[in-house]
């Protein structure tokens, strides 16, 4: 079971949530890094599936292309999925190098 299947409030309050900063705004979120599959390795694909779960009202002005910091590491937002029922955003992100 993915951590994203759990109740959002519980997950964000858990010990494994990390500080997330966007400009002068901050919240806590859960970073989930999925390793590459054997198929991706065979095809030479370099990306992993990295997502960040945050409360939907956490950041004003957040959009695709935005850069935020999770526990001191910079990530660029690639895609934003909103779950209205749980009031959460799942951000598909990539580490900035």
PDB file of N, CA and C in Angstrom:
ATOM      1  N   UNK A   1       0.842  -1.177   0.000  1.00  0.00           N
ATOM      2  CA  UNK A   1       0.000   0.000   0.000  1.00  0.00           C
ATOM      3  C   UNK A   1       0.887   1.240   0.000  1.00  0.00           C
ATOM      4  N   UNK A   2       0.564   2.184  -0.842  1.00  0.00           N
ATOM      5  CA  UNK A   2       1.304   3.435  -0.913  1.00  0.00           C
ATOM      6  C   UNK A   2       0.937   4.330   0.259  1.00  0.00           C
ATOM      7  N   UNK A   3       1.875   5.175   0.668  1.00  0.00           N
ATOM      8  CA  UNK A   3       1.557   6.135   1.721  1.00  0.00           C
ATOM      9  C   UNK A   3       0.483   7.098   1.255  1.00  0.00           C
ATOM     10  N   UNK A   4       0.282   7.209  -0.056  1.00  0.00           N
ATOM     11  CA  UNK A   4      -0.711   8.132  -0.585  1.00  0.00           C
ATOM     12  C   UNK A   4      -2.122   7.574  -0.505  1.00  0.00           C
ATOM     13  N   UNK A   5      -2.287   6.312  -0.101  1.00  0.00           N
ATOM     14  CA  UNK A   5      -3.611   5.733   0.089  1.00  0.00           C
ATOM     15  C   UNK A   5      -4.151   6.042   1.481  1.00  0.00           C
ATOM     16  N   UNK A   6      -3.316   6.514   2.361  1.00  0.00           N
ATOM     17  CA  UNK A   6      -3.713   6.787   3.744  1.00  0.00           C
ATOM     18  C   UNK A   6      -4.393   8.148   3.846  1.00  0.00           C
ATOM     19  N   UNK A   7      -5.024   8.398   4.979  1.00  0.00           N
ATOM     20  CA  UNK A   7      -5.653   9.683   5.230  1.00  0.00           C
ATOM     21  C   UNK A   7      -4.588  10.780   5.192  1.00  0.00           C
ATOM     22  N   UNK A   8      -4.839  11.844   4.418  1.00  0.00           N
ATOM     23  CA  UNK A   8      -3.837  12.883   4.195  1.00  0.00           C
ATOM     24  C   UNK A   8      -3.406  13.572   5.487  1.00  0.00           C
ATOM     25  N   UNK A   9      -4.343  13.932   6.345  1.00  0.00           N
ATOM     26  CA  UNK A   9      -3.993  14.616   7.597  1.00  0.00           C
ATOM     27  C   UNK A   9      -3.080  13.745   8.452  1.00  0.00           C
ATOM     28  N   UNK A  10      -3.368  12.449   8.500  1.00  0.00           N
ATOM     29  CA  UNK A  10      -2.541  11.522   9.277  1.00  0.00           C
ATOM     30  C   UNK A  10      -1.135  11.447   8.692  1.00  0.00           C
ATOM     31  N   UNK A  11      -1.066  11.323   7.377  1.00  0.00           N
ATOM     32  CA  UNK A  11       0.227  11.181   6.706  1.00  0.00           C
ATOM     33  C   UNK A  11       1.087  12.423   6.910  1.00  0.00           C
ATOM     34  N   UNK A  12       0.494  13.606   6.763  1.00  0.00           N
ATOM     35  CA  UNK A  12       1.270  14.834   6.877  1.00  0.00           C
ATOM     36  C   UNK A  12       1.710  15.112   8.310  1.00  0.00           C
ATOM     37  N   UNK A  13       0.997  14.572   9.279  1.00  0.00           N
ATOM     38  CA  UNK A  13       1.375  14.755  10.679  1.00  0.00           C
ATOM     39  C   UNK A  13       2.383  13.709  11.141  1.00  0.00           C
ATOM     40  N   UNK A  14       2.594  12.705  10.328  1.00  0.00           N
ATOM     41  CA  UNK A  14       3.474  11.594  10.708  1.00  0.00           C
ATOM     42  C   UNK A  14       4.932  12.038  10.780  1.00  0.00           C
ATOM     43  N   UNK A  15       5.712  11.234  11.465  1.00  0.00           N
ATOM     44  CA  UNK A  15       7.130  11.541  11.653  1.00  0.00           C
ATOM     45  C   UNK A  15       7.919  11.578  10.348  1.00  0.00           C
ATOM     46  N   UNK A  16       7.437  10.912   9.315  1.00  0.00           N
ATOM     47  CA  UNK A  16       8.206  10.864   8.076  1.00  0.00           C
ATOM     48  C   UNK A  16       7.902  12.019   7.129  1.00  0.00           C
ATOM     49  N   UNK A  17       7.044  12.970   7.527  1.00  0.00           N
ATOM     50  CA  UNK A  17       6.825  14.143   6.683  1.00  0.00           C
ATOM     51  C   UNK A  17       8.035  15.074   6.798  1.00  0.00           C
ATOM     52  N   UNK A  18       8.274  15.845   5.742  1.00  0.00           N
ATOM     53  CA  UNK A  18       9.455  16.710   5.658  1.00  0.00           C
ATOM     54  C   UNK A  18       9.021  18.162   5.489  1.00  0.00           C
ATOM     55  N   UNK A  19       9.867  19.115   5.913  1.00  0.00           N
ATOM     56  CA  UNK A  19       9.546  20.521   5.678  1.00  0.00           C
ATOM     57  C   UNK A  19       9.640  20.851   4.186  1.00  0.00           C
ATOM     58  N   UNK A  20       8.636  21.589   3.693  1.00  0.00           N
ATOM     59  CA  UNK A  20       8.576  21.990   2.292  1.00  0.00           C
ATOM     60  C   UNK A  20       8.478  23.512   2.254  1.00  0.00           C
ATOM     61  N   UNK A  21       9.334  24.152   1.448  1.00  0.00           N
ATOM     62  CA  UNK A  21       9.363  25.610   1.360  1.00  0.00           C
ATOM     63  C   UNK A  21       9.189  26.035  -0.093  1.00  0.00           C
ATOM     64  N   UNK A  22       8.293  27.024  -0.305  1.00  0.00           N
ATOM     65  CA  UNK A  22       8.075  27.624  -1.622  1.00  0.00           C
ATOM     66  C   UNK A  22       8.083  29.133  -1.410  1.00  0.00           C
ATOM     67  N   UNK A  23       9.172  29.772  -1.811  1.00  0.00           N
ATOM     68  CA  UNK A  23       9.318  31.209  -1.547  1.00  0.00           C
ATOM     69  C   UNK A  23       9.387  31.448  -0.048  1.00  0.00           C
ATOM     70  N   UNK A  24       8.451  32.264   0.461  1.00  0.00           N
ATOM     71  CA  UNK A  24       8.402  32.540   1.902  1.00  0.00           C
ATOM     72  C   UNK A  24       7.374  31.671   2.613  1.00  0.00           C
ATOM     73  N   UNK A  25       6.702  30.789   1.865  1.00  0.00           N
ATOM     74  CA  UNK A  25       5.653  29.933   2.422  1.00  0.00           C
ATOM     75  C   UNK A  25       6.231  28.565   2.780  1.00  0.00           C
ATOM     76  N   UNK A  26       5.687  27.954   3.827  1.00  0.00           N
ATOM     77  CA  UNK A  26       6.175  26.622   4.203  1.00  0.00           C
ATOM     78  C   UNK A  26       5.034  25.748   4.706  1.00  0.00           C
ATOM     79  N   UNK A  27       5.240  24.447   4.604  1.00  0.00           N
ATOM     80  CA  UNK A  27       4.295  23.442   5.083  1.00  0.00           C
ATOM     81  C   UNK A  27       5.092  22.167   5.326  1.00  0.00           C
ATOM     82  N   UNK A  28       4.400  21.072   5.539  1.00  0.00           N
ATOM     83  CA  UNK A  28       5.044  19.757   5.630  1.00  0.00           C
ATOM     84  C   UNK A  28       4.457  18.883   4.532  1.00  0.00           C
ATOM     85  N   UNK A  29       5.271  17.978   4.009  1.00  0.00           N
ATOM     86  CA  UNK A  29       4.819  17.099   2.949  1.00  0.00           C
ATOM     87  C   UNK A  29       5.534  15.769   3.015  1.00  0.00           C
ATOM     88  N   UNK A  30       5.069  14.856   2.180  1.00  0.00           N
ATOM     89  CA  UNK A  30       5.663  13.518   2.130  1.00  0.00           C
ATOM     90  C   UNK A  30       6.218  13.289   0.729  1.00  0.00           C
ATOM     91  N   UNK A  31       7.520  13.044   0.659  1.00  0.00           N
ATOM     92  CA  UNK A  31       8.201  12.782  -0.597  1.00  0.00           C
ATOM     93  C   UNK A  31       8.246  11.277  -0.816  1.00  0.00           C
ATOM     94  N   UNK A  32       7.829  10.843  -1.999  1.00  0.00           N
ATOM     95  CA  UNK A  32       7.805   9.418  -2.335  1.00  0.00           C
ATOM     96  C   UNK A  32       8.624   9.215  -3.603  1.00  0.00           C
ATOM     97  N   UNK A  33       9.752   8.543  -3.488  1.00  0.00           N
ATOM     98  CA  UNK A  33      10.624   8.289  -4.634  1.00  0.00           C
ATOM     99  C   UNK A  33      10.486   6.826  -5.015  1.00  0.00           C
ATOM    100  N   UNK A  34       9.959   6.591  -6.200  1.00  0.00           N
ATOM    101  CA  UNK A  34       9.792   5.217  -6.700  1.00  0.00           C
ATOM    102  C   UNK A  34      11.010   4.839  -7.527  1.00  0.00           C
ATOM    103  N   UNK A  35      11.641   3.719  -7.230  1.00  0.00           N
ATOM    104  CA  UNK A  35      12.807   3.300  -8.016  1.00  0.00           C
ATOM    105  C   UNK A  35      12.395   2.906  -9.435  1.00  0.00           C
ATOM    106  N   UNK A  36      13.375   2.971 -10.321  1.00  0.00           N
ATOM    107  CA  UNK A  36      13.109   2.552 -11.697  1.00  0.00           C
ATOM    108  C   UNK A  36      12.817   1.060 -11.738  1.00  0.00           C
ATOM    109  N   UNK A  37      11.948   0.678 -12.641  1.00  0.00           N
ATOM    110  CA  UNK A  37      11.644  -0.742 -12.807  1.00  0.00           C
ATOM    111  C   UNK A  37      12.710  -1.387 -13.695  1.00  0.00           C
ATOM    112  N   UNK A  38      12.715  -2.699 -13.738  1.00  0.00           N
ATOM    113  CA  UNK A  38      13.647  -3.409 -14.618  1.00  0.00           C
ATOM    114  C   UNK A  38      13.395  -3.033 -16.071  1.00  0.00           C
ATOM    115  N   UNK A  39      12.116  -2.812 -16.421  1.00  0.00           N
ATOM    116  CA  UNK A  39      11.774  -2.424 -17.790  1.00  0.00           C
ATOM    117  C   UNK A  39      12.390  -1.058 -18.116  1.00  0.00           C
ATOM    118  N   UNK A  40      12.284  -0.108 -17.191  1.00  0.00           N
ATOM    119  CA  UNK A  40      12.878   1.209 -17.418  1.00  0.00           C
ATOM    120  C   UNK A  40      14.389   1.100 -17.569  1.00  0.00           C
ATOM    121  N   UNK A  41      15.014   0.251 -16.756  1.00  0.00           N
ATOM    122  CA  UNK A  41      16.459   0.041 -16.875  1.00  0.00           C
ATOM    123  C   UNK A  41      16.809  -0.514 -18.251  1.00  0.00           C
ATOM    124  N   UNK A  42      16.040  -1.492 -18.719  1.00  0.00           N
ATOM    125  CA  UNK A  42      16.296  -2.118 -20.010  1.00  0.00           C
ATOM    126  C   UNK A  42      16.136  -1.115 -21.153  1.00  0.00           C
ATOM    127  N   UNK A  43      15.203  -0.172 -20.993  1.00  0.00           N
ATOM    128  CA  UNK A  43      14.970   0.827 -22.033  1.00  0.00           C
ATOM    129  C   UNK A  43      15.890   2.038 -21.896  1.00  0.00           C
ATOM    130  N   UNK A  44      16.694   2.053 -20.849  1.00  0.00           N
ATOM    131  CA  UNK A  44      17.617   3.159 -20.646  1.00  0.00           C
ATOM    132  C   UNK A  44      16.965   4.425 -20.122  1.00  0.00           C
ATOM    133  N   UNK A  45      15.787   4.306 -19.537  1.00  0.00           N
ATOM    134  CA  UNK A  45      15.092   5.475 -18.999  1.00  0.00           C
ATOM    135  C   UNK A  45      15.782   5.917 -17.712  1.00  0.00           C
ATOM    136  N   UNK A  46      15.990   7.210 -17.563  1.00  0.00           N
ATOM    137  CA  UNK A  46      16.757   7.730 -16.443  1.00  0.00           C
ATOM    138  C   UNK A  46      15.910   8.235 -15.282  1.00  0.00           C
ATOM    139  N   UNK A  47      14.640   8.563 -15.517  1.00  0.00           N
ATOM    140  CA  UNK A  47      13.848   9.184 -14.467  1.00  0.00           C
ATOM    141  C   UNK A  47      13.232   8.174 -13.515  1.00  0.00           C
ATOM    142  N   UNK A  48      13.137   8.582 -12.265  1.00  0.00           N
ATOM    143  CA  UNK A  48      12.371   7.827 -11.288  1.00  0.00           C
ATOM    144  C   UNK A  48      11.049   8.554 -11.127  1.00  0.00           C
ATOM    145  N   UNK A  49      10.083   7.907 -10.522  1.00  0.00           N
ATOM    146  CA  UNK A  49       8.812   8.556 -10.247  1.00  0.00           C
ATOM    147  C   UNK A  49       8.877   9.198  -8.877  1.00  0.00           C
ATOM    148  N   UNK A  50       9.005  10.508  -8.826  1.00  0.00           N
ATOM    149  CA  UNK A  50       9.090  11.212  -7.552  1.00  0.00           C
ATOM    150  C   UNK A  50       7.860  12.085  -7.384  1.00  0.00           C
ATOM    151  N   UNK A  51       7.141  11.874  -6.284  1.00  0.00           N
ATOM    152  CA  UNK A  51       5.957  12.675  -6.004  1.00  0.00           C
ATOM    153  C   UNK A  51       6.059  13.269  -4.607  1.00  0.00           C
ATOM    154  N   UNK A  52       5.331  14.366  -4.421  1.00  0.00           N
ATOM    155  CA  UNK A  52       5.292  15.057  -3.144  1.00  0.00           C
ATOM    156  C   UNK A  52       3.836  15.329  -2.808  1.00  0.00           C
ATOM    157  N   UNK A  53       3.406  14.899  -1.641  1.00  0.00           N
ATOM    158  CA  UNK A  53       2.037  15.105  -1.177  1.00  0.00           C
ATOM    159  C   UNK A  53       2.029  16.268  -0.199  1.00  0.00           C
ATOM    160  N   UNK A  54       1.199  17.300  -0.501  1.00  0.00           N
ATOM    161  CA  UNK A  54       1.079  18.465   0.381  1.00  0.00           C
ATOM    162  C   UNK A  54      -0.391  18.859   0.488  1.00  0.00           C
ATOM    163  N   UNK A  55      -0.762  19.643   1.510  1.00  0.00           N
ATOM    164  CA  UNK A  55      -2.132  20.148   1.594  1.00  0.00           C
ATOM    165  C   UNK A  55      -2.419  21.068   0.405  1.00  0.00           C
ATOM    166  N   UNK A  56      -3.645  21.028  -0.130  1.00  0.00           N
ATOM    167  CA  UNK A  56      -3.953  21.793  -1.339  1.00  0.00           C
ATOM    168  C   UNK A  56      -3.893  23.298  -1.143  1.00  0.00           C
ATOM    169  N   UNK A  57      -4.116  23.782   0.055  1.00  0.00           N
ATOM    170  CA  UNK A  57      -4.098  25.231   0.302  1.00  0.00           C
ATOM    171  C   UNK A  57      -2.747  25.719   0.817  1.00  0.00           C
ATOM    172  N   UNK A  58      -1.722  24.906   0.718  1.00  0.00           N
ATOM    173  CA  UNK A  58      -0.428  25.240   1.327  1.00  0.00           C
ATOM    174  C   UNK A  58       0.274  26.416   0.653  1.00  0.00           C
ATOM    175  N   UNK A  59       0.265  26.462  -0.670  1.00  0.00           N
ATOM    176  CA  UNK A  59       1.069  27.453  -1.376  1.00  0.00           C
ATOM    177  C   UNK A  59       0.250  28.253  -2.378  1.00  0.00           C
ATOM    178  N   UNK A  60       0.368  29.565  -2.308  1.00  0.00           N
ATOM    179  CA  UNK A  60      -0.237  30.454  -3.291  1.00  0.00           C
ATOM    180  C   UNK A  60       0.747  30.623  -4.443  1.00  0.00           C
ATOM    181  N   UNK A  61       0.271  30.491  -5.675  1.00  0.00           N
ATOM    182  CA  UNK A  61       1.119  30.711  -6.839  1.00  0.00           C
ATOM    183  C   UNK A  61       1.892  29.508  -7.331  1.00  0.00           C
ATOM    184  N   UNK A  62       1.698  28.354  -6.720  1.00  0.00           N
ATOM    185  CA  UNK A  62       2.407  27.144  -7.149  1.00  0.00           C
ATOM    186  C   UNK A  62       1.884  26.704  -8.515  1.00  0.00           C
ATOM    187  N   UNK A  63       2.787  26.411  -9.445  1.00  0.00           N
ATOM    188  CA  UNK A  63       2.405  25.984 -10.788  1.00  0.00           C
ATOM    189  C   UNK A  63       3.483  25.060 -11.347  1.00  0.00           C
ATOM    190  N   UNK A  64       3.167  24.411 -12.464  1.00  0.00           N
ATOM    191  CA  UNK A  64       4.181  23.602 -13.145  1.00  0.00           C
ATOM    192  C   UNK A  64       5.368  24.498 -13.474  1.00  0.00           C
ATOM    193  N   UNK A  65       6.555  24.002 -13.229  1.00  0.00           N
ATOM    194  CA  UNK A  65       7.765  24.780 -13.454  1.00  0.00           C
ATOM    195  C   UNK A  65       8.292  25.455 -12.200  1.00  0.00           C
ATOM    196  N   UNK A  66       7.454  25.553 -11.163  1.00  0.00           N
ATOM    197  CA  UNK A  66       7.891  26.155  -9.901  1.00  0.00           C
ATOM    198  C   UNK A  66       8.978  25.297  -9.263  1.00  0.00           C
ATOM    199  N   UNK A  67       9.851  25.939  -8.509  1.00  0.00           N
ATOM    200  CA  UNK A  67      10.892  25.225  -7.771  1.00  0.00           C
ATOM    201  C   UNK A  67      10.606  25.383  -6.287  1.00  0.00           C
ATOM    202  N   UNK A  68      10.627  24.263  -5.571  1.00  0.00           N
ATOM    203  CA  UNK A  68      10.437  24.290  -4.123  1.00  0.00           C
ATOM    204  C   UNK A  68      11.523  23.458  -3.469  1.00  0.00           C
ATOM    205  N   UNK A  69      11.621  23.585  -2.160  1.00  0.00           N
ATOM    206  CA  UNK A  69      12.657  22.877  -1.415  1.00  0.00           C
ATOM    207  C   UNK A  69      12.013  21.906  -0.437  1.00  0.00           C
ATOM    208  N   UNK A  70      12.469  20.666  -0.471  1.00  0.00           N
ATOM    209  CA  UNK A  70      11.987  19.637   0.451  1.00  0.00           C
ATOM    210  C   UNK A  70      13.175  19.173   1.280  1.00  0.00           C
ATOM    211  N   UNK A  71      13.113  19.453   2.562  1.00  0.00           N
ATOM    212  CA  UNK A  71      14.178  19.040   3.482  1.00  0.00           C
ATOM    213  C   UNK A  71      15.559  19.468   2.984  1.00  0.00           C
ATOM    214  N   UNK A  72      15.641  20.692   2.435  1.00  0.00           N
ATOM    215  CA  UNK A  72      16.914  21.245   1.986  1.00  0.00           C
ATOM    216  C   UNK A  72      17.321  20.915   0.565  1.00  0.00           C
ATOM    217  N   UNK A  73      16.524  20.124  -0.168  1.00  0.00           N
ATOM    218  CA  UNK A  73      16.846  19.730  -1.540  1.00  0.00           C
ATOM    219  C   UNK A  73      15.839  20.379  -2.487  1.00  0.00           C
ATOM    220  N   UNK A  74      16.318  20.969  -3.595  1.00  0.00           N
ATOM    221  CA  UNK A  74      15.445  21.652  -4.551  1.00  0.00           C
ATOM    222  C   UNK A  74      14.825  20.681  -5.548  1.00  0.00           C
ATOM    223  N   UNK A  75      13.521  20.882  -5.800  1.00  0.00           N
ATOM    224  CA  UNK A  75      12.772  20.086  -6.773  1.00  0.00           C
ATOM    225  C   UNK A  75      11.968  21.023  -7.659  1.00  0.00           C
ATOM    226  N   UNK A  76      11.849  20.666  -8.942  1.00  0.00           N
ATOM    227  CA  UNK A  76      11.009  21.422  -9.862  1.00  0.00           C
ATOM    228  C   UNK A  76       9.705  20.662 -10.073  1.00  0.00           C
ATOM    229  N   UNK A  77       8.593  21.389 -10.012  1.00  0.00           N
ATOM    230  CA  UNK A  77       7.275  20.790 -10.196  1.00  0.00           C
ATOM    231  C   UNK A  77       7.058  20.530 -11.682  1.00  0.00           C
ATOM    232  N   UNK A  78       6.741  19.288 -12.033  1.00  0.00           N
ATOM    233  CA  UNK A  78       6.473  18.905 -13.425  1.00  0.00           C
ATOM    234  C   UNK A  78       4.973  18.866 -13.716  1.00  0.00           C
ATOM    235  N   UNK A  79       4.205  18.396 -12.732  1.00  0.00           N
ATOM    236  CA  UNK A  79       2.754  18.226 -12.914  1.00  0.00           C
ATOM    237  C   UNK A  79       2.095  18.293 -11.543  1.00  0.00           C
ATOM    238  N   UNK A  80       0.862  18.810 -11.516  1.00  0.00           N
ATOM    239  CA  UNK A  80       0.123  18.921 -10.258  1.00  0.00           C
ATOM    240  C   UNK A  80      -1.209  18.203 -10.403  1.00  0.00           C
ATOM    241  N   UNK A  81      -1.479  17.261  -9.497  1.00  0.00           N
ATOM    242  CA  UNK A  81      -2.770  16.564  -9.437  1.00  0.00           C
ATOM    243  C   UNK A  81      -3.441  16.947  -8.134  1.00  0.00           C
ATOM    244  N   UNK A  82      -4.714  17.387  -8.222  1.00  0.00           N
ATOM    245  CA  UNK A  82      -5.437  17.781  -7.013  1.00  0.00           C
ATOM    246  C   UNK A  82      -6.503  16.754  -6.676  1.00  0.00           C
ATOM    247  N   UNK A  83      -6.562  16.358  -5.413  1.00  0.00           N
ATOM    248  CA  UNK A  83      -7.615  15.483  -4.904  1.00  0.00           C
ATOM    249  C   UNK A  83      -8.503  16.346  -4.022  1.00  0.00           C
ATOM    250  N   UNK A  84      -9.640  16.772  -4.581  1.00  0.00           N
ATOM    251  CA  UNK A  84     -10.538  17.696  -3.888  1.00  0.00           C
ATOM    252  C   UNK A  84     -11.076  17.081  -2.604  1.00  0.00           C
ATOM    253  N   UNK A  85     -11.413  15.800  -2.636  1.00  0.00           N
ATOM    254  CA  UNK A  85     -11.993  15.140  -1.460  1.00  0.00           C
ATOM    255  C   UNK A  85     -11.044  15.139  -0.266  1.00  0.00           C
ATOM    256  N   UNK A  86      -9.777  14.907  -0.509  1.00  0.00           N
ATOM    257  CA  UNK A  86      -8.823  14.847   0.605  1.00  0.00           C
ATOM    258  C   UNK A  86      -8.101  16.182   0.822  1.00  0.00           C
ATOM    259  N   UNK A  87      -8.431  17.177  -0.001  1.00  0.00           N
ATOM    260  CA  UNK A  87      -7.804  18.503   0.093  1.00  0.00           C
ATOM    261  C   UNK A  87      -6.278  18.395   0.050  1.00  0.00           C
ATOM    262  N   UNK A  88      -5.799  17.642  -0.932  1.00  0.00           N
ATOM    263  CA  UNK A  88      -4.354  17.429  -1.061  1.00  0.00           C
ATOM    264  C   UNK A  88      -3.918  17.591  -2.513  1.00  0.00           C
ATOM    265  N   UNK A  89      -2.665  17.950  -2.674  1.00  0.00           N
ATOM    266  CA  UNK A  89      -2.042  18.007  -3.988  1.00  0.00           C
ATOM    267  C   UNK A  89      -0.960  16.944  -4.059  1.00  0.00           C
ATOM    268  N   UNK A  90      -0.912  16.241  -5.175  1.00  0.00           N
ATOM    269  CA  UNK A  90       0.207  15.359  -5.462  1.00  0.00           C
ATOM    270  C   UNK A  90       1.017  16.055  -6.543  1.00  0.00           C
ATOM    271  N   UNK A  91       2.227  16.416  -6.200  1.00  0.00           N
ATOM    272  CA  UNK A  91       3.115  17.093  -7.134  1.00  0.00           C
ATOM    273  C   UNK A  91       4.091  16.078  -7.710  1.00  0.00           C
ATOM    274  N   UNK A  92       4.173  16.016  -9.030  1.00  0.00           N
ATOM    275  CA  UNK A  92       5.174  15.188  -9.697  1.00  0.00           C
ATOM    276  C   UNK A  92       6.381  16.103  -9.880  1.00  0.00           C
ATOM    277  N   UNK A  93       7.483  15.742  -9.259  1.00  0.00           N
ATOM    278  CA  UNK A  93       8.640  16.631  -9.200  1.00  0.00           C
ATOM    279  C   UNK A  93       9.904  15.941  -9.702  1.00  0.00           C
ATOM    280  N   UNK A  94      10.894  16.759 -10.031  1.00  0.00           N
ATOM    281  CA  UNK A  94      12.213  16.256 -10.421  1.00  0.00           C
ATOM    282  C   UNK A  94      13.267  17.045  -9.659  1.00  0.00           C
ATOM    283  N   UNK A  95      14.270  16.351  -9.175  1.00  0.00           N
ATOM    284  CA  UNK A  95      15.348  17.000  -8.419  1.00  0.00           C
ATOM    285  C   UNK A  95      16.101  17.964  -9.337  1.00  0.00           C
ATOM    286  N   UNK A  96      16.385  19.147  -8.822  1.00  0.00           N
ATOM    287  CA  UNK A  96      17.155  20.144  -9.560  1.00  0.00           C
ATOM    288  C   UNK A  96      18.631  19.876  -9.303  1.00  0.00           C
ATOM    289  N   UNK A  97      19.392  19.719 -10.401  1.00  0.00           N
ATOM    290  CA  UNK A  97      20.822  19.456 -10.248  1.00  0.00           C
ATOM    291  C   UNK A  97      21.644  20.624 -10.720  1.00  0.00           C
TER     292      UNK A  97
END
